[in-house]
Protein backbone atom coordinates (compact mmCIF):
# COMPACT_ATOMS: atom_id res chain seq x y z
CA MET A 1 123.39 98.39 100.95
CA ILE A 2 119.52 98.30 100.84
CA VAL A 3 117.53 96.55 103.46
CA ILE A 4 114.37 94.94 102.26
CA THR A 5 111.57 95.53 104.96
CA LYS A 6 109.03 93.83 103.07
CA PHE A 7 109.29 91.49 100.04
CA TYR A 8 106.54 91.82 97.50
CA THR A 9 105.63 89.00 95.41
CA CYS A 10 103.97 89.13 92.00
CA ARG A 11 100.48 88.57 93.94
CA TYR A 12 100.75 92.40 93.88
CA GLU A 13 99.82 93.76 90.51
CA ARG A 14 102.40 96.41 90.88
CA ALA A 15 105.29 93.95 91.18
CA PHE A 16 104.01 91.82 88.51
CA LYS A 17 103.99 94.78 86.02
CA GLU A 18 107.49 95.77 87.10
CA VAL A 19 108.75 92.27 86.28
CA PHE A 20 106.82 91.15 83.26
CA MET A 21 106.27 94.63 81.45
CA ASN A 22 110.15 95.00 81.28
CA GLU A 23 111.27 94.66 77.65
CA LYS A 24 114.44 92.68 78.68
CA ASN A 25 112.23 90.33 80.52
CA LYS A 26 110.13 89.14 77.37
CA ASP A 27 111.55 85.79 77.83
CA LEU A 28 110.29 85.64 81.40
CA LEU A 29 106.69 86.61 79.95
CA ILE A 30 106.73 84.02 77.28
CA TYR A 31 107.96 81.44 79.68
CA LEU A 32 104.97 82.16 82.09
CA LEU A 33 102.40 82.40 78.97
CA GLU A 34 103.60 79.08 77.32
CA GLY A 35 103.21 77.37 80.80
CA ILE A 36 99.78 78.39 81.09
CA LEU A 37 98.46 78.17 77.54
CA LYS A 38 100.59 75.05 76.52
CA VAL A 39 101.48 76.56 73.07
CA LYS A 40 104.68 77.99 71.60
CA ILE A 41 105.03 81.83 71.38
CA LYS A 42 107.41 83.55 69.21
CA GLU A 43 106.44 87.05 69.47
CA VAL A 44 105.08 89.43 72.13
CA GLU A 45 104.36 93.08 71.78
CA TYR A 46 103.36 95.30 74.65
CA LEU A 47 100.20 97.26 74.06
CA ASN A 48 98.78 100.52 75.82
CA LEU A 49 97.42 99.38 79.12
CA GLU A 50 94.52 101.89 78.82
CA GLN A 51 91.93 100.77 76.45
CA ASN A 52 90.46 103.59 74.17
CA VAL A 53 86.64 103.96 74.58
CA ASP A 54 84.35 105.06 71.90
CA ASN A 55 81.70 107.04 74.32
CA VAL A 56 82.86 109.90 76.50
CA SER A 57 80.60 108.89 79.12
CA VAL A 58 82.04 105.43 79.43
CA LYS A 59 84.92 104.74 81.97
CA ARG A 60 88.34 104.19 80.58
CA LYS A 61 89.53 100.74 81.03
CA HIS A 62 93.18 99.88 82.57
CA PHE A 63 94.49 96.45 82.14
CA ASP A 64 97.18 94.99 84.12
CA LEU A 65 98.81 93.44 80.91
CA ASN A 66 97.77 94.08 77.48
CA LEU A 67 99.71 91.87 74.75
CA LYS A 68 99.77 91.28 71.05
CA THR A 69 101.30 87.85 70.33
CA ASP A 70 101.64 85.46 67.37
CA ILE A 71 98.95 83.44 68.74
CA GLY A 72 96.48 86.21 69.34
CA ARG A 73 95.64 89.03 71.77
CA ILE A 74 96.11 88.25 75.39
CA GLN A 75 94.92 90.53 78.33
CA VAL A 76 96.21 89.76 82.04
CA GLU A 77 94.67 90.53 85.26
CA VAL A 78 95.86 90.04 88.76
CA ASN A 79 92.85 89.78 91.06
CA ALA A 80 93.43 90.11 94.80
CA SER A 81 90.01 88.91 95.54
CA ASP A 82 86.91 87.34 94.31
CA LEU A 83 84.36 90.08 95.15
CA GLY A 84 81.34 90.40 93.27
CA TYR A 85 82.49 92.91 90.89
CA VAL A 86 85.82 91.30 89.80
CA ARG A 87 84.19 88.94 87.12
CA PRO A 88 81.77 91.24 85.60
CA ARG A 89 84.63 93.94 85.31
CA ASN A 90 86.94 91.43 83.78
CA MET A 91 84.41 90.15 81.48
CA SER A 92 83.76 93.62 80.20
CA TYR A 93 87.40 94.06 79.52
CA LEU A 94 87.80 91.11 77.46
CA CYS A 95 84.54 91.84 75.39
CA ASP A 96 85.83 95.13 74.77
CA VAL A 97 89.07 93.69 73.31
CA TYR A 98 87.12 91.22 71.46
CA SER A 99 84.72 93.81 69.80
CA HIS A 100 87.54 96.13 68.93
CA HIS A 101 89.68 93.59 67.39
CA VAL A 102 86.70 92.01 65.29
CA LEU A 103 85.27 95.49 64.18
CA LYS A 104 88.59 96.97 62.96
CA GLY A 105 89.34 93.85 60.82
CA GLN A 106 88.15 93.57 57.23
CA ASN A 107 85.99 90.50 57.81
CA TYR A 108 84.66 88.46 60.75
CA ARG A 109 86.90 85.73 61.43
CA GLU A 110 87.99 83.35 64.39
CA ASP A 111 91.46 82.56 63.43
CA VAL A 112 93.02 85.09 66.00
CA LYS A 113 92.31 84.23 69.67
CA ILE A 114 91.23 86.62 72.26
CA ILE A 115 92.61 85.44 75.64
CA GLN A 116 92.17 86.60 79.11
CA ILE A 117 94.39 85.10 82.02
CA ASN A 118 93.36 85.69 85.44
CA PHE A 119 95.55 85.24 88.41
CA SER A 120 92.94 85.08 91.09
CA TYR A 121 92.94 84.75 94.86
CA GLY A 122 90.00 83.95 97.26
CA LEU A 123 88.29 81.67 94.61
CA LYS A 124 87.41 78.94 97.30
CA ASP A 125 87.63 76.27 94.67
CA THR A 126 89.00 72.97 94.52
CA LYS A 127 90.12 73.14 91.01
CA ALA A 128 93.47 74.81 90.09
CA LEU A 129 92.66 75.86 86.66
CA ARG A 130 89.37 76.46 84.80
CA VAL A 131 89.19 77.35 81.17
CA TYR A 132 86.09 79.04 79.93
CA TYR A 133 84.58 79.52 76.67
CA ILE A 134 81.10 80.58 75.01
CA GLN A 135 79.24 77.38 74.69
CA ASP A 136 76.15 75.39 74.96
CA GLU A 137 75.05 72.62 77.28
CA GLU A 138 76.58 70.18 74.89
CA GLU A 139 80.04 72.04 74.88
CA LYS A 140 79.43 73.41 71.30
CA LYS A 141 81.26 76.50 71.10
CA TYR A 142 79.38 79.61 69.71
CA VAL A 143 82.87 81.26 68.72
CA GLU A 144 86.37 79.34 68.90
CA ASN A 145 88.49 82.38 69.66
CA PHE A 146 87.01 83.71 72.88
CA VAL A 147 88.95 82.05 75.98
CA ILE A 148 89.24 82.96 79.57
CA TYR A 149 91.77 81.04 81.73
CA GLU A 150 91.12 81.47 85.55
CA ILE A 151 94.11 80.44 87.79
CA ASN A 152 93.11 79.51 91.27
CA MET A 153 96.56 80.61 92.89
CA GLU A 154 95.98 79.61 96.40
CA LYS A 155 95.46 75.78 94.83
CA TYR A 156 98.52 76.03 93.27
CA MET A 157 100.47 77.43 96.06
CA SER A 158 99.05 74.53 98.24
CA PHE A 159 101.07 72.19 95.77
CA TRP A 160 104.25 74.05 97.18
CA TYR A 161 103.07 74.06 100.78
CA THR A 162 102.41 70.29 100.71
CA ASN A 163 105.52 69.52 98.88
CA ASN A 164 103.70 67.99 95.75
CA VAL A 165 106.83 67.37 93.73
CA GLN A 166 105.12 66.53 90.63
CA GLU A 167 102.68 69.33 90.50
CA ILE A 168 105.35 71.67 91.56
CA GLU A 169 107.50 70.58 88.49
CA LYS A 170 104.67 70.87 86.14
CA ASN A 171 103.41 74.40 87.31
CA LYS A 172 106.52 76.14 88.64
CA GLU A 173 106.04 78.98 86.26
CA ILE A 174 102.83 79.79 88.26
CA ILE A 175 104.01 78.91 91.60
CA MET A 176 107.04 81.05 91.67
CA LEU A 177 104.86 84.30 91.32
CA ASP A 178 103.95 84.13 94.92
CA LEU A 179 107.10 82.76 96.75
CA GLY A 180 109.24 84.82 98.73
CA LEU A 181 112.97 85.21 98.20
CA GLU A 182 114.23 82.25 100.27
CA GLU A 183 111.55 79.86 98.68
CA LEU A 184 112.48 81.03 95.20
CA LYS A 185 116.08 80.18 95.95
CA THR A 186 114.93 76.46 96.37
CA LEU A 187 112.82 76.43 93.34
CA SER A 188 115.37 77.90 91.13
CA LYS A 189 118.16 75.38 91.64
CA LYS A 190 117.12 73.60 88.63
CA ASP A 191 115.51 76.12 86.31
CA ARG A 192 117.43 78.96 84.60
CA MET A 193 114.06 81.12 84.04
CA VAL A 194 112.93 80.65 87.56
CA GLU A 195 116.44 81.91 88.64
CA LYS A 196 116.02 84.89 86.52
CA TYR A 197 112.71 85.67 87.69
CA MET A 198 113.90 85.55 91.33
CA ASP A 199 116.73 88.05 90.34
CA GLU A 200 114.33 90.41 88.72
CA LEU A 201 111.80 90.26 91.56
CA LYS A 202 114.54 90.96 93.99
CA ARG A 203 115.85 93.93 91.74
CA VAL A 204 112.27 95.31 91.79
CA ASN A 205 112.27 94.99 95.65
CA GLU A 206 115.42 96.64 96.12
CA ASP A 207 113.91 99.75 94.29
CA PRO A 208 113.33 102.53 96.86
CA ASP A 209 110.90 104.17 94.52
CA PHE A 210 108.86 100.92 94.31
CA HIS A 211 108.85 100.68 98.10
CA VAL A 212 107.35 104.13 98.45
CA PHE A 213 104.76 103.40 95.87
CA MET A 214 103.62 100.17 97.34
CA SER A 215 103.71 101.64 101.04
CA ALA A 216 101.52 104.57 99.73
CA GLU A 217 99.19 102.42 97.96
CA GLU A 218 98.81 99.90 100.93
CA ASP A 219 98.21 102.98 103.28
CA ASN A 220 95.51 104.41 100.95
CA ARG A 221 93.88 100.99 100.81
CA LYS A 222 93.85 100.54 104.44
CA ILE A 223 92.36 104.01 104.88
CA GLU A 224 89.81 103.23 102.39
CA ASN A 225 88.93 99.89 104.06
CA SER A 226 88.70 101.36 107.40
CA ILE A 227 86.60 104.35 106.31
CA ARG A 228 84.20 101.92 104.49
CA GLU A 229 83.76 99.62 107.42
CA GLU A 230 83.07 102.52 109.71
CA MET A 231 80.60 103.98 107.26
CA ILE A 232 78.72 100.65 106.86
CA GLU A 233 78.78 100.26 110.74
CA LYS A 234 77.43 104.08 111.31
CA GLY A 235 74.97 103.46 108.44
CA LEU A 236 73.40 100.41 109.77
CA LYS A 237 73.26 101.71 113.29
CA GLU A 238 71.57 105.05 111.93
CA GLY A 239 69.11 103.07 109.98
CA MET A 240 68.12 100.81 112.90
CA GLU A 241 67.60 103.73 115.17
CA LYS A 242 65.55 105.53 112.35
CA GLY A 243 64.22 102.55 110.74
CA LEU A 244 60.72 102.66 112.51
CA GLN A 245 60.13 106.30 111.46
CA GLN A 246 61.96 106.92 108.16
CA GLY A 247 62.59 103.29 106.78
CA LEU A 248 65.96 101.43 106.58
CA GLU A 249 66.96 103.15 103.33
CA GLU A 250 66.60 106.61 104.62
CA GLY A 251 68.58 105.73 107.70
CA LEU A 252 71.18 104.24 105.78
CA LYS A 253 71.54 107.42 103.53
CA GLN A 254 71.62 109.80 106.53
CA GLY A 255 74.15 107.69 108.25
CA LYS A 256 76.27 107.86 105.20
CA ASN A 257 75.87 111.76 104.95
CA ASP A 258 76.66 111.89 108.66
CA MET A 259 79.90 109.98 107.85
CA ILE A 260 80.84 112.18 104.92
CA VAL A 261 80.23 115.21 107.12
CA GLU A 262 82.79 113.76 109.69
CA MET A 263 85.33 112.89 107.10
CA LEU A 264 85.24 116.45 105.60
CA LYS A 265 85.69 118.02 109.11
CA ASN A 266 88.78 115.76 109.20
CA LYS A 267 90.21 117.10 106.23
CA ILE A 268 90.19 113.82 104.45
CA ASP A 269 90.64 114.04 100.77
CA MET A 270 87.31 114.45 98.82
CA HIS A 271 88.44 111.75 96.14
CA ILE A 272 89.04 109.07 98.61
CA ILE A 273 85.52 109.98 100.48
CA ALA A 274 84.06 109.64 97.16
CA LYS A 275 85.52 106.53 96.34
CA CYS A 276 84.64 104.89 99.81
CA ALA A 277 81.19 106.42 99.84
CA LYS A 278 80.54 105.38 96.49
CA VAL A 279 79.02 108.72 95.44
CA SER A 280 80.35 111.25 92.74
CA LEU A 281 82.78 113.96 93.55
CA ASP A 282 80.05 116.72 92.71
CA GLU A 283 77.93 115.31 95.56
CA ILE A 284 80.94 115.36 98.07
CA GLU A 285 81.50 118.92 96.89
CA LYS A 286 77.83 120.06 97.33
CA ILE A 287 77.87 118.44 101.18
CA ALA A 288 81.17 120.21 101.70
CA LYS A 289 79.67 123.46 101.02
CA ASN A 290 77.52 123.18 104.14
CA VAL A 291 80.36 122.02 106.29
CA ASN A 292 81.76 124.75 108.70
């Protein structure tokens, strides 16, 4: 018997993919999408999660979920935070999907919707759902088929924790995504699809390979966060000490270089250093040549 040490909900993108990218769970995926979009969906096809790019210098894009349906193209992102890079990144993903779809067609039409659904945390917004279009101040849309759904997960979860029965019933396909096993047992009593979701999430959590992956991913994230915080603190300290003589920018740069040297001396993987320091791997390798 497998003992579950930690139960991962679908607020973790890996768990989300494990459940909703399974071919046998297409009915669950349709259940979720129909609840959000308020339309009937008959067909769903999974597309490659890595978007091809037309320029070798452009970074390849990795989606959380990329779908072709009978109502249009749907791209899904699970956003753990509302940091400054999240929306520009997601916007670039959606614009890329839109341009590829339009340019490959025989004419320029708006009959196929291009939709992005964001399950977002940390929004600090009072509204549960916002639907964005490209439109003017009079709400006249520039195009009809470009839509972004931003789901404020904390707001939806507040319905559960305040026992708002009416909202829970209306939005259970969203609320279930961040419930633990015991909570899902309560929610699933009157809904066959929620019960299936609970069984699938339980199955994923009982997979030893999944837990190994999640443990490694969380460990790497903690290492990166710790190194980044330390680098920022050291960089600021160096900048303050040298600011009068060299200027804050030079002091910060020197502080960052010193920290990179220390990480190299401690045998930390160069890829992690490059990611945390936000410099190229080539630059890390150049610094490494001067480290004894």
